[in-house]
Amino acid sequence: MKQSSIRAGRLFARLDEAVTTRNAQLARELPARANPTAAHGRTENEDRIAGAAADFAVAQTRVREAANAERAMERAEESWRS
């Protein structure tokens, strides 16, 4: 096995763990390193991991946006009452 394949395997293993443990920071950082390493020759499992990481990142963004919108609504309600 080539060293680059081993490196890609380790990166995807870390990415899988980040998604599984819901580590948002690593799940955002690792695809930038894992994807270019194996973009042209991914295994089916690596494709699954990359897809799960992308879905997780989108979900985290939506949660953050919803929380921001809720805070904005609360501030607007408070200023309306004042």
Protein backbone atom coordinates (compact mmCIF):
# COMPACT_ATOMS: atom_id res chain seq x y z
CA MET A 1 0.00 0.00 0.00
CA LYS A 2 1.36 3.42 -0.91
CA GLN A 3 2.18 5.82 1.86
CA SER A 4 -0.35 8.34 0.47
CA SER A 5 -3.08 5.66 0.69
CA ILE A 6 -2.14 4.96 4.29
CA ARG A 7 -2.18 8.68 5.06
CA ALA A 8 -5.59 9.09 3.41
CA GLY A 9 -6.92 6.11 5.35
CA ARG A 10 -5.79 7.64 8.61
CA LEU A 11 -7.32 11.01 7.72
CA PHE A 12 -10.65 9.40 6.86
CA ALA A 13 -10.54 7.35 10.07
CA ARG A 14 -10.06 10.58 12.05
CA LEU A 15 -12.84 12.24 10.05
CA ASP A 16 -15.17 9.32 10.75
CA GLU A 17 -14.38 9.56 14.45
CA ALA A 18 -14.97 13.32 14.42
CA VAL A 19 -18.43 12.87 12.88
CA THR A 20 -19.29 9.95 15.16
CA THR A 21 -18.30 11.88 18.29
CA ARG A 22 -19.91 15.08 16.90
CA ASN A 23 -16.64 17.00 17.08
CA ALA A 24 -17.68 19.93 14.89
CA GLN A 25 -14.27 21.59 14.79
CA LEU A 26 -12.45 18.50 13.50
CA ALA A 27 -15.34 17.62 11.19
CA ARG A 28 -14.90 21.04 9.55
CA GLU A 29 -11.08 20.97 9.43
CA LEU A 30 -10.31 17.43 8.31
CA PRO A 31 -12.17 17.36 4.97
CA ALA A 32 -9.88 20.11 3.71
CA ARG A 33 -6.97 17.70 4.16
CA ALA A 34 -8.72 14.39 3.49
CA ASN A 35 -10.60 15.29 0.32
CA PRO A 36 -7.66 16.43 -1.85
CA THR A 37 -5.60 13.49 -0.65
CA ALA A 38 -8.01 10.91 -2.03
CA ALA A 39 -10.51 12.77 -4.20
CA HIS A 40 -9.77 10.75 -7.32
CA GLY A 41 -9.40 7.31 -5.75
CA ARG A 42 -11.69 7.08 -2.76
CA THR A 43 -13.07 3.83 -1.53
CA GLU A 44 -16.80 3.40 -1.04
CA ASN A 45 -16.28 3.75 2.72
CA GLU A 46 -14.29 6.97 2.27
CA ASP A 47 -17.11 8.34 0.09
CA ARG A 48 -19.56 7.47 2.87
CA ILE A 49 -17.40 9.21 5.48
CA ALA A 50 -16.96 12.31 3.31
CA GLY A 51 -20.72 12.45 2.74
CA ALA A 52 -21.46 12.08 6.44
CA ALA A 53 -18.97 14.85 7.25
CA ALA A 54 -20.58 17.16 4.68
CA ASP A 55 -24.06 16.41 6.05
CA PHE A 56 -22.83 17.03 9.60
CA ALA A 57 -21.25 20.36 8.61
CA VAL A 58 -24.50 21.47 6.93
CA ALA A 59 -26.52 20.45 9.99
CA GLN A 60 -24.16 22.35 12.30
CA THR A 61 -24.50 25.45 10.11
CA ARG A 62 -28.29 25.21 10.19
CA VAL A 63 -28.32 24.84 13.98
CA ARG A 64 -26.04 27.86 14.34
CA GLU A 65 -28.20 29.92 11.95
CA ALA A 66 -31.38 28.93 13.78
CA ALA A 67 -29.85 29.91 17.13
CA ASN A 68 -28.74 33.25 15.69
CA ALA A 69 -32.21 33.88 14.28
CA GLU A 70 -33.83 33.03 17.60
CA ARG A 71 -31.53 35.45 19.43
CA ALA A 72 -32.32 38.17 16.88
CA MET A 73 -36.05 37.60 17.40
CA GLU A 74 -35.64 37.80 21.17
CA ARG A 75 -33.70 41.08 20.86
CA ALA A 76 -36.35 42.47 18.51
CA GLU A 77 -39.14 41.52 20.94
CA GLU A 78 -37.25 43.11 23.82
CA SER A 79 -36.71 46.35 21.94
CA TRP A 80 -40.36 46.40 20.83
CA ARG A 81 -41.48 46.09 24.45
CA SER A 82 -39.21 48.89 25.62
